[in-house]
Amino acid sequence: MLVTIGYGGKRPSDFFRELEKLNADLVIDVRATPQKAFLTSYTKPILERILGRKYVWLPECGNRSRQLPPTLTDEKHCIERIRYLLTQYKTVVLLCAEKDESRCHRYYIKKKVEQDQKQR
């Protein structure tokens, strides 16, 4: 199962509680620059420390344009990696900053992966 979450506008305690409810086996960070975040609670080093082996950053999934439709760093590789990870993990969560999934490139990625899976 592929779901998404955004931390924008959420207190860290609320965000991590929401993430826990998703029962994620793997959290994929799809931000272009996870080393930077408005709140340090959401930087790559902090997420690695809190989530441990459940956290992975896929730089190929970053949105270089910050617009929609997005310009992913390497769309083909991004979709292939996520599709592979879905064969290894039951619940995979795509993480980004935008709180509204429909306004974020993670929704685009999710839809592309779902389309790719249907075509196979």
Protein backbone atom coordinates (compact mmCIF):
# COMPACT_ATOMS: atom_id res chain seq x y z
CA MET A 1 0.00 0.00 0.00
CA LEU A 2 1.29 3.45 -0.92
CA VAL A 3 0.14 6.47 1.08
CA THR A 4 1.45 10.00 1.59
CA ILE A 5 1.94 12.43 4.44
CA GLY A 6 2.97 16.07 4.70
CA TYR A 7 4.22 17.79 7.83
CA GLY A 8 3.36 21.37 6.83
CA GLY A 9 1.49 23.27 9.52
CA LYS A 10 1.71 20.43 12.03
CA ARG A 11 3.41 20.33 15.38
CA PRO A 12 6.07 17.60 15.40
CA SER A 13 4.22 15.64 18.10
CA ASP A 14 1.02 15.66 15.99
CA PHE A 15 2.90 14.75 12.82
CA PHE A 16 4.70 11.80 14.38
CA ARG A 17 1.46 10.57 15.97
CA GLU A 18 -0.25 10.74 12.55
CA LEU A 19 2.69 8.92 10.95
CA GLU A 20 2.54 6.23 13.63
CA LYS A 21 -1.17 5.66 12.89
CA LEU A 22 -0.26 4.89 9.27
CA ASN A 23 1.73 1.90 10.55
CA ALA A 24 4.46 2.51 7.98
CA ASP A 25 6.98 -0.17 7.20
CA LEU A 26 8.99 2.37 5.21
CA VAL A 27 8.92 6.17 4.98
CA ILE A 28 10.31 7.56 1.73
CA ASP A 29 11.40 11.19 1.85
CA VAL A 30 10.74 12.66 -1.60
CA ARG A 31 11.99 16.18 -0.86
CA ALA A 32 14.78 17.57 -3.01
CA THR A 33 16.69 18.94 0.00
CA PRO A 34 15.74 17.14 3.23
CA GLN A 35 18.77 18.59 5.00
CA LYS A 36 16.83 21.85 5.21
CA ALA A 37 13.44 22.27 6.84
CA PHE A 38 11.62 25.17 8.43
CA LEU A 39 11.53 23.20 11.66
CA THR A 40 14.59 21.11 12.43
CA SER A 41 12.32 18.25 13.55
CA TYR A 42 11.83 17.40 9.89
CA THR A 43 15.42 17.41 8.65
CA LYS A 44 16.96 14.23 7.28
CA PRO A 45 19.29 13.66 10.27
CA ILE A 46 16.44 13.99 12.77
CA LEU A 47 14.12 11.75 10.76
CA GLU A 48 16.89 9.16 10.42
CA ARG A 49 17.40 9.21 14.17
CA ILE A 50 13.67 8.95 14.99
CA LEU A 51 12.62 6.48 12.29
CA GLY A 52 15.84 4.49 11.96
CA ARG A 53 15.74 1.83 9.28
CA LYS A 54 12.18 2.81 8.35
CA TYR A 55 13.46 6.04 6.77
CA VAL A 56 15.00 6.44 3.32
CA TRP A 57 15.61 9.50 1.17
CA LEU A 58 15.24 9.11 -2.59
CA PRO A 59 16.89 12.17 -4.17
CA GLU A 60 15.68 11.09 -7.61
CA CYS A 61 12.12 11.87 -6.45
CA GLY A 62 12.83 15.50 -5.59
CA ASN A 63 10.84 18.20 -7.38
CA ARG A 64 13.36 20.50 -9.05
CA SER A 65 10.73 22.99 -10.21
CA ARG A 66 8.68 23.34 -7.00
CA GLN A 67 5.71 23.59 -9.38
CA LEU A 68 2.99 21.24 -10.54
CA PRO A 69 3.23 19.27 -12.64
CA PRO A 70 6.61 18.58 -11.10
CA THR A 71 9.98 18.16 -12.71
CA LEU A 72 11.42 15.22 -10.81
CA THR A 73 15.17 14.83 -10.60
CA ASP A 74 14.91 11.40 -12.29
CA GLU A 75 11.29 10.40 -12.74
CA LYS A 76 11.92 7.00 -14.32
CA HIS A 77 14.32 5.90 -11.59
CA CYS A 78 12.06 7.35 -8.88
CA ILE A 79 9.05 5.34 -10.05
CA GLU A 80 11.12 2.17 -10.50
CA ARG A 81 12.64 2.42 -7.00
CA ILE A 82 9.30 2.98 -5.32
CA ARG A 83 7.70 0.17 -7.28
CA TYR A 84 10.51 -2.14 -6.14
CA LEU A 85 10.23 -1.01 -2.51
CA LEU A 86 6.50 -1.76 -2.61
CA THR A 87 7.41 -5.40 -3.29
CA GLN A 88 9.54 -5.42 -0.14
CA TYR A 89 7.31 -3.50 2.30
CA LYS A 90 3.60 -3.70 3.06
CA THR A 91 2.92 -0.03 3.86
CA VAL A 92 5.09 2.64 2.23
CA VAL A 93 4.61 6.32 3.03
CA LEU A 94 5.80 9.17 0.79
CA LEU A 95 6.85 12.14 2.92
CA CYS A 96 7.09 15.80 1.95
CA ALA A 97 6.44 19.20 3.50
CA GLU A 98 3.20 20.29 1.79
CA LYS A 99 0.22 19.48 4.02
CA ASP A 100 -2.25 19.28 1.10
CA GLU A 101 -1.47 16.11 -0.85
CA SER A 102 -3.19 17.42 -3.99
CA ARG A 103 -0.81 20.40 -4.11
CA CYS A 104 2.34 18.32 -3.66
CA HIS A 105 4.54 16.36 -6.03
CA ARG A 106 4.21 13.31 -3.76
CA TYR A 107 0.62 12.92 -5.07
CA TYR A 108 1.97 13.01 -8.63
CA ILE A 109 4.52 10.31 -7.72
CA LYS A 110 1.85 8.18 -6.06
CA LYS A 111 -0.38 8.37 -9.14
CA LYS A 112 2.51 7.57 -11.49
CA VAL A 113 3.44 4.49 -9.43
CA GLU A 114 -0.19 3.34 -9.37
CA GLN A 115 -0.47 3.80 -13.16
CA ASP A 116 2.78 1.92 -13.66
CA GLN A 117 1.55 -0.97 -11.51
CA LYS A 118 -1.71 -1.21 -13.48
CA GLN A 119 0.19 -1.42 -16.77
CA ARG A 120 2.23 -4.39 -15.61
